[in-house]
Amino acid sequence: MPRLHTDDRAVGMYVIVHVGSAITEVDEAEGEQTLAVLRAMAGAVEAELGGSLRGSVI
């Protein structure tokens, strides 16, 4: 579990993580949008490399 640099900690919260530490909390809409972008990036990498990133967190 990442170390949180935020005051509140709760299951289900969205946070931005850098080098294993949660550095800031974001609202659900921004969290979902960020996940969608990361998933699209993973799909682009898979298409470019012709391989799967299935073992990743995304």
PDB file of N, CA and C in Angstrom:
ATOM      1  N   MET A   1       0.839  -1.182   0.000  1.00  0.00           N
ATOM      2  CA  MET A   1       0.000   0.000   0.000  1.00  0.00           C
ATOM      3  C   MET A   1       0.882   1.242   0.000  1.00  0.00           C
ATOM      4  N   PRO A   2       0.586   2.187  -0.876  1.00  0.00           N
ATOM      5  CA  PRO A   2       1.385   3.405  -0.911  1.00  0.00           C
ATOM      6  C   PRO A   2       1.256   4.213   0.381  1.00  0.00           C
ATOM      7  N   ARG A   3       2.306   4.905   0.730  1.00  0.00           N
ATOM      8  CA  ARG A   3       2.270   5.816   1.871  1.00  0.00           C
ATOM      9  C   ARG A   3       1.534   7.078   1.436  1.00  0.00           C
ATOM     10  N   LEU A   4       0.591   7.536   2.237  1.00  0.00           N
ATOM     11  CA  LEU A   4      -0.210   8.699   1.871  1.00  0.00           C
ATOM     12  C   LEU A   4       0.371   9.979   2.439  1.00  0.00           C
ATOM     13  N   HIS A   5       0.466  10.985   1.600  1.00  0.00           N
ATOM     14  CA  HIS A   5       0.859  12.314   2.039  1.00  0.00           C
ATOM     15  C   HIS A   5      -0.387  13.189   2.138  1.00  0.00           C
ATOM     16  N   THR A   6      -1.519  12.568   2.300  1.00  0.00           N
ATOM     17  CA  THR A   6      -2.777  13.294   2.462  1.00  0.00           C
ATOM     18  C   THR A   6      -3.255  13.078   3.884  1.00  0.00           C
ATOM     19  N   ASP A   7      -4.038  14.002   4.403  1.00  0.00           N
ATOM     20  CA  ASP A   7      -4.506  13.914   5.792  1.00  0.00           C
ATOM     21  C   ASP A   7      -5.529  12.799   6.002  1.00  0.00           C
ATOM     22  N   ASP A   8      -6.458  12.665   5.089  1.00  0.00           N
ATOM     23  CA  ASP A   8      -7.528  11.678   5.231  1.00  0.00           C
ATOM     24  C   ASP A   8      -7.164  10.413   4.471  1.00  0.00           C
ATOM     25  N   ARG A   9      -7.516   9.283   5.066  1.00  0.00           N
ATOM     26  CA  ARG A   9      -7.284   8.003   4.414  1.00  0.00           C
ATOM     27  C   ARG A   9      -8.567   7.198   4.490  1.00  0.00           C
ATOM     28  N   ALA A  10      -9.046   6.751   3.328  1.00  0.00           N
ATOM     29  CA  ALA A  10     -10.277   5.972   3.325  1.00  0.00           C
ATOM     30  C   ALA A  10     -10.285   5.056   2.108  1.00  0.00           C
ATOM     31  N   VAL A  11     -10.865   3.881   2.297  1.00  0.00           N
ATOM     32  CA  VAL A  11     -11.037   2.952   1.193  1.00  0.00           C
ATOM     33  C   VAL A  11     -11.919   3.621   0.148  1.00  0.00           C
ATOM     34  N   GLY A  12     -11.521   3.530  -1.106  1.00  0.00           N
ATOM     35  CA  GLY A  12     -12.314   4.067  -2.197  1.00  0.00           C
ATOM     36  C   GLY A  12     -11.937   5.476  -2.621  1.00  0.00           C
ATOM     37  N   MET A  13     -11.012   6.113  -1.899  1.00  0.00           N
ATOM     38  CA  MET A  13     -10.616   7.460  -2.319  1.00  0.00           C
ATOM     39  C   MET A  13      -9.669   7.367  -3.512  1.00  0.00           C
ATOM     40  N   TYR A  14      -9.674   8.382  -4.337  1.00  0.00           N
ATOM     41  CA  TYR A  14      -8.785   8.457  -5.493  1.00  0.00           C
ATOM     42  C   TYR A  14      -7.609   9.350  -5.127  1.00  0.00           C
ATOM     43  N   VAL A  15      -6.405   8.879  -5.438  1.00  0.00           N
ATOM     44  CA  VAL A  15      -5.202   9.651  -5.157  1.00  0.00           C
ATOM     45  C   VAL A  15      -4.248   9.562  -6.339  1.00  0.00           C
ATOM     46  N   ILE A  16      -3.384  10.549  -6.452  1.00  0.00           N
ATOM     47  CA  ILE A  16      -2.301  10.517  -7.430  1.00  0.00           C
ATOM     48  C   ILE A  16      -1.093   9.937  -6.708  1.00  0.00           C
ATOM     49  N   VAL A  17      -0.490   8.892  -7.295  1.00  0.00           N
ATOM     50  CA  VAL A  17       0.642   8.208  -6.667  1.00  0.00           C
ATOM     51  C   VAL A  17       1.889   8.468  -7.498  1.00  0.00           C
ATOM     52  N   HIS A  18       2.964   8.796  -6.797  1.00  0.00           N
ATOM     53  CA  HIS A  18       4.258   8.987  -7.444  1.00  0.00           C
ATOM     54  C   HIS A  18       5.312   8.260  -6.623  1.00  0.00           C
ATOM     55  N   VAL A  19       6.031   7.358  -7.241  1.00  0.00           N
ATOM     56  CA  VAL A  19       7.094   6.583  -6.602  1.00  0.00           C
ATOM     57  C   VAL A  19       6.589   5.923  -5.314  1.00  0.00           C
ATOM     58  N   GLY A  20       5.396   5.349  -5.368  1.00  0.00           N
ATOM     59  CA  GLY A  20       4.874   4.581  -4.248  1.00  0.00           C
ATOM     60  C   GLY A  20       4.221   5.375  -3.141  1.00  0.00           C
ATOM     61  N   SER A  21       4.126   6.687  -3.274  1.00  0.00           N
ATOM     62  CA  SER A  21       3.478   7.510  -2.252  1.00  0.00           C
ATOM     63  C   SER A  21       2.315   8.267  -2.868  1.00  0.00           C
ATOM     64  N   ALA A  22       1.183   8.238  -2.181  1.00  0.00           N
ATOM     65  CA  ALA A  22       0.042   9.025  -2.625  1.00  0.00           C
ATOM     66  C   ALA A  22       0.312  10.476  -2.259  1.00  0.00           C
ATOM     67  N   ILE A  23       0.391  11.325  -3.264  1.00  0.00           N
ATOM     68  CA  ILE A  23       0.787  12.703  -2.997  1.00  0.00           C
ATOM     69  C   ILE A  23      -0.380  13.673  -2.921  1.00  0.00           C
ATOM     70  N   THR A  24      -1.519  13.306  -3.480  1.00  0.00           N
ATOM     71  CA  THR A  24      -2.686  14.180  -3.390  1.00  0.00           C
ATOM     72  C   THR A  24      -3.952  13.382  -3.673  1.00  0.00           C
ATOM     73  N   GLU A  25      -5.039  13.826  -3.105  1.00  0.00           N
ATOM     74  CA  GLU A  25      -6.345  13.218  -3.356  1.00  0.00           C
ATOM     75  C   GLU A  25      -7.031  13.972  -4.481  1.00  0.00           C
ATOM     76  N   VAL A  26      -7.769  13.248  -5.323  1.00  0.00           N
ATOM     77  CA  VAL A  26      -8.565  13.866  -6.376  1.00  0.00           C
ATOM     78  C   VAL A  26      -9.997  13.373  -6.232  1.00  0.00           C
ATOM     79  N   ASP A  27     -10.946  14.129  -6.803  1.00  0.00           N
ATOM     80  CA  ASP A  27     -12.336  13.686  -6.709  1.00  0.00           C
ATOM     81  C   ASP A  27     -12.577  12.509  -7.649  1.00  0.00           C
ATOM     82  N   GLU A  28     -13.704  11.866  -7.498  1.00  0.00           N
ATOM     83  CA  GLU A  28     -14.005  10.656  -8.258  1.00  0.00           C
ATOM     84  C   GLU A  28     -13.991  10.889  -9.760  1.00  0.00           C
ATOM     85  N   ALA A  29     -14.559  12.005 -10.210  1.00  0.00           N
ATOM     86  CA  ALA A  29     -14.609  12.285 -11.652  1.00  0.00           C
ATOM     87  C   ALA A  29     -13.200  12.411 -12.235  1.00  0.00           C
ATOM     88  N   GLU A  30     -12.325  13.141 -11.551  1.00  0.00           N
ATOM     89  CA  GLU A  30     -10.953  13.287 -12.030  1.00  0.00           C
ATOM     90  C   GLU A  30     -10.208  11.959 -11.959  1.00  0.00           C
ATOM     91  N   GLY A  31     -10.463  11.177 -10.908  1.00  0.00           N
ATOM     92  CA  GLY A  31      -9.843   9.863 -10.792  1.00  0.00           C
ATOM     93  C   GLY A  31     -10.244   8.943 -11.926  1.00  0.00           C
ATOM     94  N   GLU A  32     -11.525   8.915 -12.246  1.00  0.00           N
ATOM     95  CA  GLU A  32     -12.005   8.071 -13.346  1.00  0.00           C
ATOM     96  C   GLU A  32     -11.450   8.543 -14.687  1.00  0.00           C
ATOM     97  N   GLN A  33     -11.369   9.867 -14.885  1.00  0.00           N
ATOM     98  CA  GLN A  33     -10.823  10.400 -16.125  1.00  0.00           C
ATOM     99  C   GLN A  33      -9.341  10.030 -16.256  1.00  0.00           C
ATOM    100  N   THR A  34      -8.597  10.124 -15.169  1.00  0.00           N
ATOM    101  CA  THR A  34      -7.179   9.765 -15.183  1.00  0.00           C
ATOM    102  C   THR A  34      -7.000   8.284 -15.503  1.00  0.00           C
ATOM    103  N   LEU A  35      -7.824   7.423 -14.893  1.00  0.00           N
ATOM    104  CA  LEU A  35      -7.751   5.991 -15.190  1.00  0.00           C
ATOM    105  C   LEU A  35      -8.045   5.708 -16.658  1.00  0.00           C
ATOM    106  N   ALA A  36      -9.026   6.410 -17.218  1.00  0.00           N
ATOM    107  CA  ALA A  36      -9.359   6.215 -18.631  1.00  0.00           C
ATOM    108  C   ALA A  36      -8.181   6.592 -19.527  1.00  0.00           C
ATOM    109  N   VAL A  37      -7.504   7.693 -19.205  1.00  0.00           N
ATOM    110  CA  VAL A  37      -6.339   8.118 -19.990  1.00  0.00           C
ATOM    111  C   VAL A  37      -5.218   7.089 -19.872  1.00  0.00           C
ATOM    112  N   LEU A  38      -4.952   6.612 -18.655  1.00  0.00           N
ATOM    113  CA  LEU A  38      -3.894   5.624 -18.464  1.00  0.00           C
ATOM    114  C   LEU A  38      -4.198   4.327 -19.195  1.00  0.00           C
ATOM    115  N   ARG A  39      -5.455   3.905 -19.165  1.00  0.00           N
ATOM    116  CA  ARG A  39      -5.838   2.691 -19.888  1.00  0.00           C
ATOM    117  C   ARG A  39      -5.679   2.880 -21.396  1.00  0.00           C
ATOM    118  N   ALA A  40      -6.034   4.063 -21.909  1.00  0.00           N
ATOM    119  CA  ALA A  40      -5.864   4.344 -23.336  1.00  0.00           C
ATOM    120  C   ALA A  40      -4.385   4.341 -23.704  1.00  0.00           C
ATOM    121  N   MET A  41      -3.554   4.885 -22.834  1.00  0.00           N
ATOM    122  CA  MET A  41      -2.106   4.875 -23.084  1.00  0.00           C
ATOM    123  C   MET A  41      -1.583   3.442 -23.115  1.00  0.00           C
ATOM    124  N   ALA A  42      -2.052   2.612 -22.190  1.00  0.00           N
ATOM    125  CA  ALA A  42      -1.623   1.203 -22.182  1.00  0.00           C
ATOM    126  C   ALA A  42      -2.042   0.518 -23.471  1.00  0.00           C
ATOM    127  N   GLY A  43      -3.253   0.806 -23.943  1.00  0.00           N
ATOM    128  CA  GLY A  43      -3.719   0.231 -25.202  1.00  0.00           C
ATOM    129  C   GLY A  43      -2.872   0.670 -26.382  1.00  0.00           C
ATOM    130  N   ALA A  44      -2.448   1.932 -26.375  1.00  0.00           N
ATOM    131  CA  ALA A  44      -1.599   2.443 -27.451  1.00  0.00           C
ATOM    132  C   ALA A  44      -0.228   1.764 -27.426  1.00  0.00           C
ATOM    133  N   VAL A  45       0.312   1.562 -26.229  1.00  0.00           N
ATOM    134  CA  VAL A  45       1.610   0.886 -26.102  1.00  0.00           C
ATOM    135  C   VAL A  45       1.497  -0.558 -26.573  1.00  0.00           C
ATOM    136  N   GLU A  46       0.426  -1.247 -26.174  1.00  0.00           N
ATOM    137  CA  GLU A  46       0.229  -2.620 -26.629  1.00  0.00           C
ATOM    138  C   GLU A  46       0.149  -2.677 -28.152  1.00  0.00           C
ATOM    139  N   ALA A  47      -0.576  -1.746 -28.753  1.00  0.00           N
ATOM    140  CA  ALA A  47      -0.706  -1.730 -30.209  1.00  0.00           C
ATOM    141  C   ALA A  47       0.649  -1.471 -30.873  1.00  0.00           C
ATOM    142  N   GLU A  48       1.415  -0.555 -30.304  1.00  0.00           N
ATOM    143  CA  GLU A  48       2.721  -0.212 -30.870  1.00  0.00           C
ATOM    144  C   GLU A  48       3.711  -1.369 -30.741  1.00  0.00           C
ATOM    145  N   LEU A  49       3.723  -2.028 -29.575  1.00  0.00           N
ATOM    146  CA  LEU A  49       4.688  -3.079 -29.322  1.00  0.00           C
ATOM    147  C   LEU A  49       4.205  -4.461 -29.746  1.00  0.00           C
ATOM    148  N   GLY A  50       2.911  -4.565 -29.985  1.00  0.00           N
ATOM    149  CA  GLY A  50       2.356  -5.855 -30.378  1.00  0.00           C
ATOM    150  C   GLY A  50       2.336  -6.862 -29.233  1.00  0.00           C
ATOM    151  N   GLY A  51       2.315  -6.373 -28.000  1.00  0.00           N
ATOM    152  CA  GLY A  51       2.294  -7.256 -26.833  1.00  0.00           C
ATOM    153  C   GLY A  51       1.280  -6.770 -25.822  1.00  0.00           C
ATOM    154  N   SER A  52       1.136  -7.544 -24.770  1.00  0.00           N
ATOM    155  CA  SER A  52       0.160  -7.246 -23.741  1.00  0.00           C
ATOM    156  C   SER A  52       0.828  -6.663 -22.507  1.00  0.00           C
ATOM    157  N   LEU A  53       0.138  -5.742 -21.851  1.00  0.00           N
ATOM    158  CA  LEU A  53       0.572  -5.201 -20.566  1.00  0.00           C
ATOM    159  C   LEU A  53      -0.327  -5.732 -19.447  1.00  0.00           C
ATOM    160  N   ARG A  54      -0.889  -6.893 -19.614  1.00  0.00           N
ATOM    161  CA  ARG A  54      -1.892  -7.426 -18.700  1.00  0.00           C
ATOM    162  C   ARG A  54      -1.439  -7.562 -17.246  1.00  0.00           C
ATOM    163  N   GLY A  55      -0.182  -7.667 -16.965  1.00  0.00           N
ATOM    164  CA  GLY A  55       0.279  -7.800 -15.593  1.00  0.00           C
ATOM    165  C   GLY A  55       0.372  -6.482 -14.859  1.00  0.00           C
ATOM    166  N   SER A  56       0.068  -5.370 -15.525  1.00  0.00           N
ATOM    167  CA  SER A  56       0.223  -4.059 -14.896  1.00  0.00           C
ATOM    168  C   SER A  56      -0.967  -3.729 -14.007  1.00  0.00           C
ATOM    169  N   VAL A  57      -0.814  -2.702 -13.207  1.00  0.00           N
ATOM    170  CA  VAL A  57      -1.878  -2.242 -12.308  1.00  0.00           C
ATOM    171  C   VAL A  57      -3.013  -1.645 -13.081  1.00  0.00           C
ATOM    172  N   ILE A  58      -2.715  -1.002 -14.194  1.00  0.00           N
ATOM    173  CA  ILE A  58      -3.730  -0.347 -15.002  1.00  0.00           C
ATOM    174  C   ILE A  58      -4.573  -1.409 -15.610  1.00  0.00           C
TER     175      ILE A  58
END
